[in-house]
PDB file of N, CA and C in Angstrom:
ATOM      1  N   MET A   1       0.766  -1.287   0.012  1.00  0.00           N
ATOM      2  CA  MET A   1      -0.056   0.025   0.086  1.00  0.00           C
ATOM      3  C   MET A   1       0.871   1.251  -0.030  1.00  0.00           C
ATOM      4  N   PHE A   2       0.398   2.216  -0.794  1.00  0.00           N
ATOM      5  CA  PHE A   2       1.171   3.607  -0.678  1.00  0.00           C
ATOM      6  C   PHE A   2       0.163   4.641  -0.776  1.00  0.00           C
ATOM      7  N   VAL A   3       0.567   5.879  -0.458  1.00  0.00           N
ATOM      8  CA  VAL A   3      -0.327   7.002  -0.409  1.00  0.00           C
ATOM      9  C   VAL A   3       0.001   7.963  -1.550  1.00  0.00           C
ATOM     10  N   ARG A   4      -0.977   8.500  -2.110  1.00  0.00           N
ATOM     11  CA  ARG A   4      -0.885   9.457  -3.236  1.00  0.00           C
ATOM     12  C   ARG A   4      -1.655  10.812  -2.600  1.00  0.00           C
ATOM     13  N   ILE A   5      -0.701  11.805  -2.832  1.00  0.00           N
ATOM     14  CA  ILE A   5      -1.092  13.049  -2.279  1.00  0.00           C
ATOM     15  C   ILE A   5      -0.999  13.954  -3.507  1.00  0.00           C
ATOM     16  N   VAL A   6      -2.098  14.764  -3.728  1.00  0.00           N
ATOM     17  CA  VAL A   6      -2.153  15.656  -4.877  1.00  0.00           C
ATOM     18  C   VAL A   6      -2.563  16.939  -4.333  1.00  0.00           C
ATOM     19  N   LYS A   7      -1.991  18.036  -4.673  1.00  0.00           N
ATOM     20  CA  LYS A   7      -2.216  19.439  -4.218  1.00  0.00           C
ATOM     21  C   LYS A   7      -2.887  20.025  -5.480  1.00  0.00           C
ATOM     22  N   LEU A   8      -3.889  20.672  -5.217  1.00  0.00           N
ATOM     23  CA  LEU A   8      -4.888  21.222  -6.152  1.00  0.00           C
ATOM     24  C   LEU A   8      -5.210  22.745  -5.968  1.00  0.00           C
ATOM     25  N   THR A   9      -4.848  23.593  -6.783  1.00  0.00           N
ATOM     26  CA  THR A   9      -5.115  25.058  -6.567  1.00  0.00           C
ATOM     27  C   THR A   9      -6.146  25.547  -7.446  1.00  0.00           C
ATOM     28  N   PHE A  10      -7.172  25.922  -7.047  1.00  0.00           N
ATOM     29  CA  PHE A  10      -8.353  26.411  -8.001  1.00  0.00           C
ATOM     30  C   PHE A  10      -8.578  28.102  -8.068  1.00  0.00           C
ATOM     31  N   GLN A  11      -9.155  28.414  -9.110  1.00  0.00           N
ATOM     32  CA  GLN A  11      -9.575  29.688  -9.365  1.00  0.00           C
ATOM     33  C   GLN A  11     -10.671  29.803  -8.195  1.00  0.00           C
ATOM     34  N   GLU A  12     -10.590  31.035  -7.524  1.00  0.00           N
ATOM     35  CA  GLU A  12     -11.546  31.324  -6.477  1.00  0.00           C
ATOM     36  C   GLU A  12     -13.025  30.960  -6.759  1.00  0.00           C
ATOM     37  N   ASP A  13     -13.402  31.575  -7.986  1.00  0.00           N
ATOM     38  CA  ASP A  13     -14.704  31.428  -8.439  1.00  0.00           C
ATOM     39  C   ASP A  13     -15.250  30.017  -8.900  1.00  0.00           C
ATOM     40  N   LYS A  14     -14.204  29.015  -8.763  1.00  0.00           N
ATOM     41  CA  LYS A  14     -14.411  27.743  -9.269  1.00  0.00           C
ATOM     42  C   LYS A  14     -14.390  26.719  -8.164  1.00  0.00           C
ATOM     43  N   ILE A  15     -14.229  27.142  -6.899  1.00  0.00           N
ATOM     44  CA  ILE A  15     -14.179  26.236  -5.766  1.00  0.00           C
ATOM     45  C   ILE A  15     -15.449  25.450  -5.578  1.00  0.00           C
ATOM     46  N   GLU A  16     -16.630  26.202  -5.568  1.00  0.00           N
ATOM     47  CA  GLU A  16     -17.859  25.639  -5.334  1.00  0.00           C
ATOM     48  C   GLU A  16     -18.231  24.521  -6.426  1.00  0.00           C
ATOM     49  N   ALA A  17     -17.684  24.800  -7.635  1.00  0.00           N
ATOM     50  CA  ALA A  17     -17.969  23.743  -8.577  1.00  0.00           C
ATOM     51  C   ALA A  17     -17.111  22.653  -8.462  1.00  0.00           C
ATOM     52  N   PHE A  18     -15.882  22.747  -8.045  1.00  0.00           N
ATOM     53  CA  PHE A  18     -14.986  21.650  -7.727  1.00  0.00           C
ATOM     54  C   PHE A  18     -15.727  20.722  -6.600  1.00  0.00           C
ATOM     55  N   LEU A  19     -16.076  21.427  -5.608  1.00  0.00           N
ATOM     56  CA  LEU A  19     -16.657  20.749  -4.339  1.00  0.00           C
ATOM     57  C   LEU A  19     -17.899  19.986  -4.846  1.00  0.00           C
ATOM     58  N   ALA A  20     -18.709  20.622  -5.708  1.00  0.00           N
ATOM     59  CA  ALA A  20     -20.041  19.942  -6.005  1.00  0.00           C
ATOM     60  C   ALA A  20     -19.668  18.669  -6.921  1.00  0.00           C
ATOM     61  N   ASN A  21     -18.800  18.794  -7.771  1.00  0.00           N
ATOM     62  CA  ASN A  21     -18.231  17.762  -8.599  1.00  0.00           C
ATOM     63  C   ASN A  21     -17.565  16.409  -7.683  1.00  0.00           C
ATOM     64  N   PHE A  22     -16.771  17.011  -6.846  1.00  0.00           N
ATOM     65  CA  PHE A  22     -16.174  15.916  -5.944  1.00  0.00           C
ATOM     66  C   PHE A  22     -17.242  15.178  -5.223  1.00  0.00           C
ATOM     67  N   GLU A  23     -18.158  15.921  -4.636  1.00  0.00           N
ATOM     68  CA  GLU A  23     -19.362  15.382  -3.924  1.00  0.00           C
ATOM     69  C   GLU A  23     -19.990  14.213  -4.803  1.00  0.00           C
ATOM     70  N   GLU A  24     -20.201  14.433  -6.152  1.00  0.00           N
ATOM     71  CA  GLU A  24     -20.846  13.479  -7.009  1.00  0.00           C
ATOM     72  C   GLU A  24     -19.941  12.335  -7.329  1.00  0.00           C
ATOM     73  N   ILE A  25     -18.661  12.492  -7.466  1.00  0.00           N
ATOM     74  CA  ILE A  25     -17.729  11.444  -7.981  1.00  0.00           C
ATOM     75  C   ILE A  25     -16.807  10.621  -6.943  1.00  0.00           C
ATOM     76  N   LYS A  26     -16.877  11.217  -5.693  1.00  0.00           N
ATOM     77  CA  LYS A  26     -16.057  10.653  -4.665  1.00  0.00           C
ATOM     78  C   LYS A  26     -16.260   9.176  -4.399  1.00  0.00           C
ATOM     79  N   GLN A  27     -17.450   8.721  -4.354  1.00  0.00           N
ATOM     80  CA  GLN A  27     -17.706   7.326  -4.091  1.00  0.00           C
ATOM     81  C   GLN A  27     -17.234   6.501  -5.292  1.00  0.00           C
ATOM     82  N   GLN A  28     -17.246   6.992  -6.371  1.00  0.00           N
ATOM     83  CA  GLN A  28     -16.964   6.200  -7.667  1.00  0.00           C
ATOM     84  C   GLN A  28     -15.318   5.944  -7.517  1.00  0.00           C
ATOM     85  N   ILE A  29     -14.601   7.109  -7.050  1.00  0.00           N
ATOM     86  CA  ILE A  29     -13.125   7.001  -6.897  1.00  0.00           C
ATOM     87  C   ILE A  29     -12.888   6.050  -5.865  1.00  0.00           C
ATOM     88  N   ARG A  30     -13.473   6.161  -4.669  1.00  0.00           N
ATOM     89  CA  ARG A  30     -13.289   5.270  -3.510  1.00  0.00           C
ATOM     90  C   ARG A  30     -13.539   3.719  -3.782  1.00  0.00           C
ATOM     91  N   ASN A  31     -14.538   3.626  -4.572  1.00  0.00           N
ATOM     92  CA  ASN A  31     -14.919   2.249  -4.931  1.00  0.00           C
ATOM     93  C   ASN A  31     -14.147   1.639  -6.211  1.00  0.00           C
ATOM     94  N   PHE A  32     -13.231   2.453  -6.757  1.00  0.00           N
ATOM     95  CA  PHE A  32     -12.363   1.871  -7.797  1.00  0.00           C
ATOM     96  C   PHE A  32     -11.441   0.841  -7.308  1.00  0.00           C
ATOM     97  N   GLU A  33     -11.468  -0.169  -8.020  1.00  0.00           N
ATOM     98  CA  GLU A  33     -10.616  -1.277  -7.619  1.00  0.00           C
ATOM     99  C   GLU A  33      -9.128  -0.872  -7.239  1.00  0.00           C
ATOM    100  N   GLY A  34      -8.768  -1.292  -6.150  1.00  0.00           N
ATOM    101  CA  GLY A  34      -7.413  -0.912  -5.587  1.00  0.00           C
ATOM    102  C   GLY A  34      -7.296   0.249  -4.730  1.00  0.00           C
ATOM    103  N   ASN A  35      -8.388   1.216  -4.694  1.00  0.00           N
ATOM    104  CA  ASN A  35      -8.406   2.325  -3.855  1.00  0.00           C
ATOM    105  C   ASN A  35      -8.848   1.884  -2.458  1.00  0.00           C
ATOM    106  N   GLU A  36      -8.145   2.220  -1.451  1.00  0.00           N
ATOM    107  CA  GLU A  36      -8.410   1.673  -0.093  1.00  0.00           C
ATOM    108  C   GLU A  36      -9.006   2.898   0.821  1.00  0.00           C
ATOM    109  N   PHE A  37      -8.733   4.119   0.359  1.00  0.00           N
ATOM    110  CA  PHE A  37      -8.949   5.257   1.323  1.00  0.00           C
ATOM    111  C   PHE A  37      -8.901   6.594   0.474  1.00  0.00           C
ATOM    112  N   LEU A  38      -9.722   7.508   0.741  1.00  0.00           N
ATOM    113  CA  LEU A  38      -9.755   8.781   0.110  1.00  0.00           C
ATOM    114  C   LEU A  38     -10.252   9.855   1.014  1.00  0.00           C
ATOM    115  N   GLU A  39      -9.500  10.919   1.090  1.00  0.00           N
ATOM    116  CA  GLU A  39      -9.694  12.068   1.962  1.00  0.00           C
ATOM    117  C   GLU A  39      -9.587  13.365   1.054  1.00  0.00           C
ATOM    118  N   LEU A  40     -10.333  14.434   1.296  1.00  0.00           N
ATOM    119  CA  LEU A  40      -9.998  15.713   0.738  1.00  0.00           C
ATOM    120  C   LEU A  40      -9.825  16.779   1.971  1.00  0.00           C
ATOM    121  N   TYR A  41      -8.843  17.638   1.683  1.00  0.00           N
ATOM    122  CA  TYR A  41      -8.456  18.695   2.777  1.00  0.00           C
ATOM    123  C   TYR A  41      -8.454  19.980   2.021  1.00  0.00           C
ATOM    124  N   GLN A  42      -8.893  21.024   2.806  1.00  0.00           N
ATOM    125  CA  GLN A  42      -8.766  22.433   2.294  1.00  0.00           C
ATOM    126  C   GLN A  42      -7.621  23.251   3.257  1.00  0.00           C
ATOM    127  N   ASP A  43      -6.935  23.938   2.612  1.00  0.00           N
ATOM    128  CA  ASP A  43      -5.946  24.740   3.353  1.00  0.00           C
ATOM    129  C   ASP A  43      -6.587  25.697   4.189  1.00  0.00           C
ATOM    130  N   LYS A  44      -6.212  25.959   5.393  1.00  0.00           N
ATOM    131  CA  LYS A  44      -6.920  26.933   6.379  1.00  0.00           C
ATOM    132  C   LYS A  44      -6.524  28.310   5.977  1.00  0.00           C
ATOM    133  N   ASN A  45      -5.266  28.457   5.288  1.00  0.00           N
ATOM    134  CA  ASN A  45      -4.891  29.957   5.120  1.00  0.00           C
ATOM    135  C   ASN A  45      -5.314  30.333   3.733  1.00  0.00           C
ATOM    136  N   ASP A  46      -5.488  29.393   2.777  1.00  0.00           N
ATOM    137  CA  ASP A  46      -5.687  29.712   1.378  1.00  0.00           C
ATOM    138  C   ASP A  46      -6.815  28.813   0.925  1.00  0.00           C
ATOM    139  N   ALA A  47      -8.081  29.243   0.726  1.00  0.00           N
ATOM    140  CA  ALA A  47      -9.145  28.468   0.482  1.00  0.00           C
ATOM    141  C   ALA A  47      -9.203  27.949  -0.748  1.00  0.00           C
ATOM    142  N   ARG A  48      -8.238  28.363  -1.726  1.00  0.00           N
ATOM    143  CA  ARG A  48      -8.162  27.965  -3.074  1.00  0.00           C
ATOM    144  C   ARG A  48      -7.337  26.531  -3.222  1.00  0.00           C
ATOM    145  N   ILE A  49      -6.706  26.213  -2.050  1.00  0.00           N
ATOM    146  CA  ILE A  49      -5.756  25.159  -2.142  1.00  0.00           C
ATOM    147  C   ILE A  49      -6.445  23.889  -1.504  1.00  0.00           C
ATOM    148  N   PHE A  50      -6.351  22.755  -2.174  1.00  0.00           N
ATOM    149  CA  PHE A  50      -6.964  21.621  -1.603  1.00  0.00           C
ATOM    150  C   PHE A  50      -6.063  20.438  -1.894  1.00  0.00           C
ATOM    151  N   PHE A  51      -6.110  19.382  -0.932  1.00  0.00           N
ATOM    152  CA  PHE A  51      -5.118  18.203  -1.134  1.00  0.00           C
ATOM    153  C   PHE A  51      -6.067  17.023  -1.108  1.00  0.00           C
ATOM    154  N   THR A  52      -5.754  16.002  -1.979  1.00  0.00           N
ATOM    155  CA  THR A  52      -6.419  14.695  -1.845  1.00  0.00           C
ATOM    156  C   THR A  52      -5.388  13.827  -1.326  1.00  0.00           C
ATOM    157  N   TYR A  53      -5.802  12.969  -0.317  1.00  0.00           N
ATOM    158  CA  TYR A  53      -4.962  11.825   0.056  1.00  0.00           C
ATOM    159  C   TYR A  53      -5.655  10.540  -0.324  1.00  0.00           C
ATOM    160  N   SER A  54      -5.048   9.565  -0.996  1.00  0.00           N
ATOM    161  CA  SER A  54      -5.674   8.431  -1.497  1.00  0.00           C
ATOM    162  C   SER A  54      -4.723   7.337  -1.054  1.00  0.00           C
ATOM    163  N   TYR A  55      -5.207   6.184  -0.581  1.00  0.00           N
ATOM    164  CA  TYR A  55      -4.340   5.046  -0.344  1.00  0.00           C
ATOM    165  C   TYR A  55      -4.616   4.040  -1.553  1.00  0.00           C
ATOM    166  N   TRP A  56      -3.618   3.504  -2.131  1.00  0.00           N
ATOM    167  CA  TRP A  56      -3.790   2.580  -3.103  1.00  0.00           C
ATOM    168  C   TRP A  56      -2.968   1.197  -2.676  1.00  0.00           C
ATOM    169  N   ARG A  57      -3.607   0.210  -3.194  1.00  0.00           N
ATOM    170  CA  ARG A  57      -3.254  -1.216  -2.992  1.00  0.00           C
ATOM    171  C   ARG A  57      -1.695  -1.288  -3.528  1.00  0.00           C
ATOM    172  N   ASP A  58      -1.486  -0.858  -4.672  1.00  0.00           N
ATOM    173  CA  ASP A  58      -0.169  -0.886  -5.099  1.00  0.00           C
ATOM    174  C   ASP A  58      -0.030   0.060  -6.402  1.00  0.00           C
ATOM    175  N   GLU A  59       1.121   0.415  -6.985  1.00  0.00           N
ATOM    176  CA  GLU A  59       1.276   1.343  -8.215  1.00  0.00           C
ATOM    177  C   GLU A  59       0.366   0.962  -9.373  1.00  0.00           C
ATOM    178  N   GLU A  60       0.297  -0.369  -9.480  1.00  0.00           N
ATOM    179  CA  GLU A  60      -0.533  -0.839 -10.598  1.00  0.00           C
ATOM    180  C   GLU A  60      -1.967  -0.476 -10.661  1.00  0.00           C
ATOM    181  N   ALA A  61      -2.597  -0.564  -9.351  1.00  0.00           N
ATOM    182  CA  ALA A  61      -4.069  -0.170  -9.155  1.00  0.00           C
ATOM    183  C   ALA A  61      -3.961   1.372  -9.444  1.00  0.00           C
ATOM    184  N   LEU A  62      -3.158   2.289  -8.911  1.00  0.00           N
ATOM    185  CA  LEU A  62      -3.141   3.569  -9.305  1.00  0.00           C
ATOM    186  C   LEU A  62      -3.059   3.818 -10.756  1.00  0.00           C
ATOM    187  N   GLU A  63      -2.101   3.176 -11.442  1.00  0.00           N
ATOM    188  CA  GLU A  63      -2.016   3.379 -12.959  1.00  0.00           C
ATOM    189  C   GLU A  63      -3.210   2.902 -13.602  1.00  0.00           C
ATOM    190  N   LYS A  64      -3.844   1.875 -13.268  1.00  0.00           N
ATOM    191  CA  LYS A  64      -5.210   1.398 -13.680  1.00  0.00           C
ATOM    192  C   LYS A  64      -6.163   2.509 -13.688  1.00  0.00           C
ATOM    193  N   TYR A  65      -6.278   3.131 -12.467  1.00  0.00           N
ATOM    194  CA  TYR A  65      -7.258   4.197 -12.311  1.00  0.00           C
ATOM    195  C   TYR A  65      -6.895   5.357 -13.307  1.00  0.00           C
ATOM    196  N   ARG A  66      -5.689   5.800 -13.408  1.00  0.00           N
ATOM    197  CA  ARG A  66      -5.166   7.008 -14.114  1.00  0.00           C
ATOM    198  C   ARG A  66      -5.392   6.652 -15.528  1.00  0.00           C
ATOM    199  N   LYS A  67      -5.631   5.488 -15.994  1.00  0.00           N
ATOM    200  CA  LYS A  67      -5.931   5.257 -17.398  1.00  0.00           C
ATOM    201  C   LYS A  67      -7.352   4.931 -17.662  1.00  0.00           C
ATOM    202  N   SER A  68      -8.214   5.136 -16.722  1.00  0.00           N
ATOM    203  CA  SER A  68      -9.554   4.724 -16.685  1.00  0.00           C
ATOM    204  C   SER A  68     -10.329   5.831 -17.265  1.00  0.00           C
ATOM    205  N   ALA A  69     -11.614   5.361 -17.861  1.00  0.00           N
ATOM    206  CA  ALA A  69     -12.587   6.497 -18.352  1.00  0.00           C
ATOM    207  C   ALA A  69     -12.960   7.317 -17.153  1.00  0.00           C
ATOM    208  N   LEU A  70     -13.111   6.889 -15.882  1.00  0.00           N
ATOM    209  CA  LEU A  70     -13.384   7.536 -14.727  1.00  0.00           C
ATOM    210  C   LEU A  70     -12.451   8.695 -14.486  1.00  0.00           C
ATOM    211  N   PHE A  71     -11.168   8.291 -14.412  1.00  0.00           N
ATOM    212  CA  PHE A  71     -10.072   9.369 -14.212  1.00  0.00           C
ATOM    213  C   PHE A  71     -10.102  10.437 -15.350  1.00  0.00           C
ATOM    214  N   ASN A  72     -10.193  10.014 -16.552  1.00  0.00           N
ATOM    215  CA  ASN A  72     -10.302  10.963 -17.752  1.00  0.00           C
ATOM    216  C   ASN A  72     -11.401  12.059 -17.632  1.00  0.00           C
ATOM    217  N   GLU A  73     -12.602  11.523 -17.132  1.00  0.00           N
ATOM    218  CA  GLU A  73     -13.713  12.379 -16.996  1.00  0.00           C
ATOM    219  C   GLU A  73     -13.440  13.339 -15.780  1.00  0.00           C
ATOM    220  N   VAL A  74     -13.067  12.810 -14.728  1.00  0.00           N
ATOM    221  CA  VAL A  74     -12.797  13.586 -13.575  1.00  0.00           C
ATOM    222  C   VAL A  74     -11.652  14.621 -13.756  1.00  0.00           C
ATOM    223  N   TRP A  75     -10.647  14.178 -14.384  1.00  0.00           N
ATOM    224  CA  TRP A  75      -9.374  14.960 -14.486  1.00  0.00           C
ATOM    225  C   TRP A  75      -9.722  16.153 -15.475  1.00  0.00           C
ATOM    226  N   THR A  76     -10.420  15.820 -16.712  1.00  0.00           N
ATOM    227  CA  THR A  76     -10.691  16.650 -17.693  1.00  0.00           C
ATOM    228  C   THR A  76     -11.470  17.861 -17.104  1.00  0.00           C
ATOM    229  N   TYR A  77     -12.536  17.547 -16.380  1.00  0.00           N
ATOM    230  CA  TYR A  77     -13.293  18.546 -15.757  1.00  0.00           C
ATOM    231  C   TYR A  77     -12.482  19.398 -14.654  1.00  0.00           C
ATOM    232  N   THR A  78     -11.863  18.752 -13.757  1.00  0.00           N
ATOM    233  CA  THR A  78     -11.151  19.370 -12.744  1.00  0.00           C
ATOM    234  C   THR A  78     -10.081  20.240 -13.189  1.00  0.00           C
ATOM    235  N   LYS A  79      -9.195  19.846 -14.172  1.00  0.00           N
ATOM    236  CA  LYS A  79      -8.124  20.764 -14.687  1.00  0.00           C
ATOM    237  C   LYS A  79      -8.699  22.075 -15.217  1.00  0.00           C
ATOM    238  N   SER A  80      -9.932  22.036 -15.560  1.00  0.00           N
ATOM    239  CA  SER A  80     -10.487  23.333 -16.223  1.00  0.00           C
ATOM    240  C   SER A  80     -10.723  24.285 -15.087  1.00  0.00           C
ATOM    241  N   LEU A  81     -10.692  24.059 -13.847  1.00  0.00           N
ATOM    242  CA  LEU A  81     -10.962  24.778 -12.814  1.00  0.00           C
ATOM    243  C   LEU A  81      -9.719  25.405 -12.130  1.00  0.00           C
ATOM    244  N   PHE A  82      -8.519  24.986 -12.625  1.00  0.00           N
ATOM    245  CA  PHE A  82      -7.251  25.164 -11.915  1.00  0.00           C
ATOM    246  C   PHE A  82      -6.826  26.643 -12.010  1.00  0.00           C
ATOM    247  N   ALA A  83      -6.094  27.338 -10.891  1.00  0.00           N
ATOM    248  CA  ALA A  83      -5.474  28.550 -10.933  1.00  0.00           C
ATOM    249  C   ALA A  83      -4.036  28.306 -11.076  1.00  0.00           C
ATOM    250  N   ASP A  84      -3.498  27.059 -10.864  1.00  0.00           N
ATOM    251  CA  ASP A  84      -2.172  26.781 -10.750  1.00  0.00           C
ATOM    252  C   ASP A  84      -1.890  25.362 -11.254  1.00  0.00           C
ATOM    253  N   LYS A  85      -0.853  24.942 -11.634  1.00  0.00           N
ATOM    254  CA  LYS A  85      -0.493  23.469 -11.905  1.00  0.00           C
ATOM    255  C   LYS A  85      -0.481  22.790 -10.695  1.00  0.00           C
ATOM    256  N   PRO A  86      -1.274  21.520 -10.877  1.00  0.00           N
ATOM    257  CA  PRO A  86      -1.242  20.555  -9.805  1.00  0.00           C
ATOM    258  C   PRO A  86       0.081  20.009  -9.449  1.00  0.00           C
ATOM    259  N   GLU A  87       0.313  19.472  -8.292  1.00  0.00           N
ATOM    260  CA  GLU A  87       1.505  18.815  -7.855  1.00  0.00           C
ATOM    261  C   GLU A  87       1.001  17.522  -7.170  1.00  0.00           C
ATOM    262  N   ALA A  88       1.879  16.385  -7.458  1.00  0.00           N
ATOM    263  CA  ALA A  88       1.411  15.171  -6.920  1.00  0.00           C
ATOM    264  C   ALA A  88       2.732  14.330  -6.341  1.00  0.00           C
ATOM    265  N   TRP A  89       2.423  13.533  -5.333  1.00  0.00           N
ATOM    266  CA  TRP A  89       3.627  12.833  -4.768  1.00  0.00           C
ATOM    267  C   TRP A  89       3.100  11.404  -4.370  1.00  0.00           C
ATOM    268  N   SER A  90       3.871  10.444  -4.784  1.00  0.00           N
ATOM    269  CA  SER A  90       3.494   9.109  -4.230  1.00  0.00           C
ATOM    270  C   SER A  90       4.490   8.669  -3.085  1.00  0.00           C
ATOM    271  N   VAL A  91       3.951   8.533  -1.923  1.00  0.00           N
ATOM    272  CA  VAL A  91       4.750   8.305  -0.734  1.00  0.00           C
ATOM    273  C   VAL A  91       4.453   6.885  -0.064  1.00  0.00           C
ATOM    274  N   ASN A  92       5.346   6.457   0.633  1.00  0.00           N
ATOM    275  CA  ASN A  92       5.195   5.247   1.649  1.00  0.00           C
ATOM    276  C   ASN A  92       4.778   5.708   2.844  1.00  0.00           C
ATOM    277  N   LYS A  93       3.837   5.286   3.460  1.00  0.00           N
ATOM    278  CA  LYS A  93       3.420   5.556   4.928  1.00  0.00           C
ATOM    279  C   LYS A  93       4.231   4.770   5.771  1.00  0.00           C
ATOM    280  N   LEU A  94       5.057   5.433   6.579  1.00  0.00           N
ATOM    281  CA  LEU A  94       5.854   4.821   7.538  1.00  0.00           C
ATOM    282  C   LEU A  94       5.396   4.682   9.050  1.00  0.00           C
ATOM    283  N   ALA A  95       4.512   5.450   9.468  1.00  0.00           N
ATOM    284  CA  ALA A  95       4.071   5.308  10.726  1.00  0.00           C
ATOM    285  C   ALA A  95       2.677   5.854  10.876  1.00  0.00           C
ATOM    286  N   THR A  96       1.837   5.347  11.739  1.00  0.00           N
ATOM    287  CA  THR A  96       0.486   5.969  12.056  1.00  0.00           C
ATOM    288  C   THR A  96       0.341   5.860  13.528  1.00  0.00           C
ATOM    289  N   LEU A  97       0.063   7.002  14.046  1.00  0.00           N
ATOM    290  CA  LEU A  97      -0.243   7.062  15.605  1.00  0.00           C
ATOM    291  C   LEU A  97      -1.716   7.438  15.801  1.00  0.00           C
ATOM    292  N   VAL A  98      -2.314   6.864  16.589  1.00  0.00           N
ATOM    293  CA  VAL A  98      -3.892   7.163  16.810  1.00  0.00           C
ATOM    294  C   VAL A  98      -4.151   7.414  18.360  1.00  0.00           C
TER     295      VAL A  98
END
């Protein structure tokens, strides 16, 4: 399992459109084969900045998602709302404390 972190910066007037779309598609992403967890965060100091954290079974599962019709639909719409280039990291989770 590994974690995918994506930073998304939206045009201020497109935030509501993004949130509405995320609400519609989040369960489809979460239910995609190989996805084990999905969260959305919003920056406390800049409301235009969001982060998604998703856990994937393996890199093959993420690549399958990235090549899917669902991803193409989601990403085509989402990138039209951006104010800045997105950034993404694939990381290994080393520790969890609860």
